[in-house]
Amino acid sequence: MSKKNINDSTEYISKRQATLLLGFKNSRSIAELIKQKYLKTYMIDSSKREVLKKEEVLVLPQQNPPPKSIKQ
């Protein structure tokens, strides 16, 4: 988690919002992305809760589609 406190919360979203935005069924996937350092959490001064930068969530690499079978 970033030690820096954030004053402007407009570009930050909750873990629940990130879960919905990425289409996950539950927040364990977000927790795993944080644990693996794909996402960083931040603290907002007024609420003492961890949030994520919306931009960082949106630029996560998309899963590659399954390879198409090659017909010979």
N, C-alpha and C. Protein backbone atom coordinates (compact mmCIF):
# COMPACT_ATOMS: atom_id res chain seq x y z
N MET A 1 0.85 -1.18 0.00
CA MET A 1 0.00 0.00 0.00
C MET A 1 0.89 1.23 0.00
N SER A 2 0.50 2.21 -0.76
CA SER A 2 1.21 3.47 -0.80
C SER A 2 0.97 4.22 0.51
N LYS A 3 2.04 4.71 1.10
CA LYS A 3 1.93 5.45 2.36
C LYS A 3 1.36 6.84 2.14
N LYS A 4 1.46 7.32 0.91
CA LYS A 4 1.01 8.67 0.58
C LYS A 4 -0.51 8.75 0.66
N ASN A 5 -1.02 9.74 1.36
CA ASN A 5 -2.46 9.93 1.44
C ASN A 5 -2.93 10.76 0.25
N ILE A 6 -4.09 10.47 -0.23
CA ILE A 6 -4.64 11.11 -1.42
C ILE A 6 -5.79 12.02 -1.01
N ASN A 7 -5.78 13.25 -1.50
CA ASN A 7 -6.86 14.18 -1.18
C ASN A 7 -7.97 14.18 -2.22
N ASP A 8 -7.63 14.02 -3.49
CA ASP A 8 -8.61 14.06 -4.56
C ASP A 8 -9.07 12.64 -4.88
N SER A 9 -10.29 12.30 -4.51
CA SER A 9 -10.75 10.93 -4.68
C SER A 9 -11.44 10.68 -6.02
N THR A 10 -11.49 11.64 -6.91
CA THR A 10 -12.24 11.48 -8.16
C THR A 10 -11.63 10.44 -9.09
N GLU A 11 -10.33 10.21 -9.04
CA GLU A 11 -9.72 9.25 -9.94
C GLU A 11 -9.45 7.90 -9.28
N TYR A 12 -10.03 7.70 -8.11
CA TYR A 12 -9.82 6.47 -7.35
C TYR A 12 -11.13 5.72 -7.20
N ILE A 13 -11.02 4.37 -7.15
CA ILE A 13 -12.21 3.54 -7.00
C ILE A 13 -11.97 2.51 -5.90
N SER A 14 -13.05 1.98 -5.37
CA SER A 14 -12.96 0.97 -4.33
C SER A 14 -12.59 -0.38 -4.96
N LYS A 15 -12.19 -1.31 -4.10
CA LYS A 15 -11.90 -2.66 -4.59
C LYS A 15 -13.15 -3.29 -5.18
N ARG A 16 -14.30 -3.01 -4.60
CA ARG A 16 -15.57 -3.54 -5.11
C ARG A 16 -15.85 -2.99 -6.51
N GLN A 17 -15.62 -1.68 -6.70
CA GLN A 17 -15.83 -1.08 -8.02
C GLN A 17 -14.88 -1.69 -9.04
N ALA A 18 -13.63 -1.94 -8.64
CA ALA A 18 -12.66 -2.55 -9.55
C ALA A 18 -13.10 -3.96 -9.92
N THR A 19 -13.65 -4.69 -8.95
CA THR A 19 -14.15 -6.04 -9.20
C THR A 19 -15.23 -6.01 -10.28
N LEU A 20 -16.17 -5.09 -10.14
CA LEU A 20 -17.26 -4.98 -11.12
C LEU A 20 -16.74 -4.50 -12.48
N LEU A 21 -15.84 -3.53 -12.45
CA LEU A 21 -15.29 -2.96 -13.68
C LEU A 21 -14.57 -4.02 -14.52
N LEU A 22 -13.85 -4.91 -13.84
CA LEU A 22 -13.09 -5.94 -14.55
C LEU A 22 -13.91 -7.20 -14.82
N GLY A 23 -15.12 -7.25 -14.29
CA GLY A 23 -15.99 -8.39 -14.56
C GLY A 23 -15.70 -9.61 -13.72
N PHE A 24 -15.04 -9.45 -12.58
CA PHE A 24 -14.78 -10.58 -11.69
C PHE A 24 -16.02 -10.87 -10.86
N LYS A 25 -16.14 -12.11 -10.40
CA LYS A 25 -17.30 -12.50 -9.59
C LYS A 25 -17.15 -12.05 -8.14
N ASN A 26 -15.91 -11.98 -7.64
CA ASN A 26 -15.70 -11.54 -6.26
C ASN A 26 -14.38 -10.80 -6.14
N SER A 27 -14.16 -10.21 -4.98
CA SER A 27 -12.98 -9.35 -4.81
C SER A 27 -11.69 -10.12 -4.53
N ARG A 28 -11.78 -11.44 -4.45
CA ARG A 28 -10.54 -12.21 -4.24
C ARG A 28 -9.58 -12.03 -5.41
N SER A 29 -10.12 -11.87 -6.61
CA SER A 29 -9.27 -11.66 -7.78
C SER A 29 -8.52 -10.35 -7.67
N ILE A 30 -9.19 -9.31 -7.17
CA ILE A 30 -8.53 -8.02 -6.98
C ILE A 30 -7.46 -8.15 -5.90
N ALA A 31 -7.77 -8.84 -4.81
CA ALA A 31 -6.81 -9.05 -3.73
C ALA A 31 -5.56 -9.77 -4.26
N GLU A 32 -5.77 -10.73 -5.14
CA GLU A 32 -4.64 -11.47 -5.72
C GLU A 32 -3.80 -10.56 -6.62
N LEU A 33 -4.44 -9.69 -7.39
CA LEU A 33 -3.69 -8.74 -8.24
C LEU A 33 -2.87 -7.78 -7.39
N ILE A 34 -3.39 -7.39 -6.24
CA ILE A 34 -2.66 -6.52 -5.31
C ILE A 34 -1.49 -7.29 -4.71
N LYS A 35 -1.74 -8.52 -4.28
CA LYS A 35 -0.70 -9.35 -3.68
C LYS A 35 0.45 -9.58 -4.65
N GLN A 36 0.12 -9.78 -5.93
CA GLN A 36 1.14 -10.03 -6.95
C GLN A 36 1.75 -8.74 -7.51
N LYS A 37 1.37 -7.61 -6.92
CA LYS A 37 1.93 -6.29 -7.27
C LYS A 37 1.53 -5.80 -8.66
N TYR A 38 0.41 -6.31 -9.19
CA TYR A 38 -0.12 -5.77 -10.44
C TYR A 38 -0.89 -4.48 -10.18
N LEU A 39 -1.43 -4.35 -8.97
CA LEU A 39 -2.15 -3.14 -8.58
C LEU A 39 -1.59 -2.64 -7.25
N LYS A 40 -1.62 -1.32 -7.08
CA LYS A 40 -1.22 -0.70 -5.82
C LYS A 40 -2.45 -0.12 -5.16
N THR A 41 -2.44 -0.12 -3.82
CA THR A 41 -3.54 0.51 -3.10
C THR A 41 -3.07 1.84 -2.53
N TYR A 42 -4.01 2.72 -2.31
CA TYR A 42 -3.74 4.07 -1.80
C TYR A 42 -4.72 4.36 -0.67
N MET A 43 -4.37 5.30 0.18
CA MET A 43 -5.25 5.71 1.27
C MET A 43 -5.80 7.10 0.97
N ILE A 44 -7.09 7.26 1.18
CA ILE A 44 -7.71 8.58 1.06
C ILE A 44 -7.80 9.15 2.47
N ASP A 45 -7.37 10.39 2.63
CA ASP A 45 -7.31 11.03 3.94
C ASP A 45 -8.60 10.90 4.74
N SER A 46 -9.72 11.17 4.12
CA SER A 46 -10.97 11.29 4.86
C SER A 46 -11.55 9.95 5.32
N SER A 47 -11.21 8.85 4.65
CA SER A 47 -11.92 7.62 4.97
C SER A 47 -11.07 6.51 5.58
N LYS A 48 -9.77 6.59 5.46
CA LYS A 48 -8.87 5.55 5.99
C LYS A 48 -9.08 4.19 5.33
N ARG A 49 -9.67 4.19 4.13
CA ARG A 49 -9.85 2.92 3.42
C ARG A 49 -8.94 2.87 2.21
N GLU A 50 -8.59 1.66 1.82
CA GLU A 50 -7.73 1.49 0.66
C GLU A 50 -8.55 1.62 -0.62
N VAL A 51 -7.99 2.33 -1.57
CA VAL A 51 -8.61 2.48 -2.88
C VAL A 51 -7.58 2.19 -3.95
N LEU A 52 -8.05 2.07 -5.17
CA LEU A 52 -7.19 1.81 -6.33
C LEU A 52 -7.31 2.95 -7.31
N LYS A 53 -6.24 3.20 -8.05
CA LYS A 53 -6.33 4.20 -9.12
C LYS A 53 -7.10 3.58 -10.28
N LYS A 54 -8.14 4.27 -10.71
CA LYS A 54 -8.98 3.77 -11.80
C LYS A 54 -8.14 3.53 -13.05
N GLU A 55 -7.25 4.45 -13.34
CA GLU A 55 -6.40 4.33 -14.54
C GLU A 55 -5.56 3.06 -14.49
N GLU A 56 -5.00 2.72 -13.32
CA GLU A 56 -4.18 1.52 -13.19
C GLU A 56 -5.02 0.25 -13.39
N VAL A 57 -6.26 0.28 -12.93
CA VAL A 57 -7.16 -0.86 -13.11
C VAL A 57 -7.48 -1.03 -14.60
N LEU A 58 -7.76 0.08 -15.27
CA LEU A 58 -8.16 0.02 -16.68
C LEU A 58 -7.04 -0.41 -17.62
N VAL A 59 -5.80 -0.20 -17.24
CA VAL A 59 -4.69 -0.55 -18.14
C VAL A 59 -4.09 -1.92 -17.84
N LEU A 60 -4.72 -2.69 -16.97
CA LEU A 60 -4.24 -4.05 -16.73
C LEU A 60 -4.24 -4.81 -18.05
N PRO A 61 -3.24 -5.65 -18.27
CA PRO A 61 -3.24 -6.42 -19.52
C PRO A 61 -4.49 -7.29 -19.62
N GLN A 62 -5.07 -7.32 -20.78
CA GLN A 62 -6.25 -8.14 -21.01
C GLN A 62 -5.79 -9.59 -21.25
N GLN A 63 -6.60 -10.52 -20.81
CA GLN A 63 -6.29 -11.92 -21.03
C GLN A 63 -6.32 -12.22 -22.52
N ASN A 64 -5.33 -12.96 -22.99
CA ASN A 64 -5.29 -13.33 -24.41
C ASN A 64 -6.39 -14.33 -24.72
N PRO A 65 -7.00 -14.21 -25.91
CA PRO A 65 -8.01 -15.21 -26.28
C PRO A 65 -7.34 -16.55 -26.50
N PRO A 66 -8.08 -17.64 -26.35
CA PRO A 66 -7.46 -18.96 -26.58
C PRO A 66 -6.97 -19.07 -28.03
N PRO A 67 -5.89 -19.77 -28.25
CA PRO A 67 -5.37 -19.88 -29.63
C PRO A 67 -6.36 -20.65 -30.51
N LYS A 68 -6.44 -20.21 -31.75
CA LYS A 68 -7.33 -20.87 -32.71
C LYS A 68 -6.62 -22.13 -33.21
N SER A 69 -7.38 -23.17 -33.34
CA SER A 69 -6.76 -24.42 -33.83
C SER A 69 -6.38 -24.24 -35.30
N ILE A 70 -5.28 -24.80 -35.63
CA ILE A 70 -4.77 -24.71 -37.01
C ILE A 70 -5.20 -25.96 -37.76
N LYS A 71 -5.94 -25.74 -38.82
CA LYS A 71 -6.42 -26.88 -39.62
C LYS A 71 -5.49 -27.04 -40.81
N GLN A 72 -5.09 -28.29 -41.04
CA GLN A 72 -4.18 -28.55 -42.14
C GLN A 72 -4.85 -29.35 -43.22
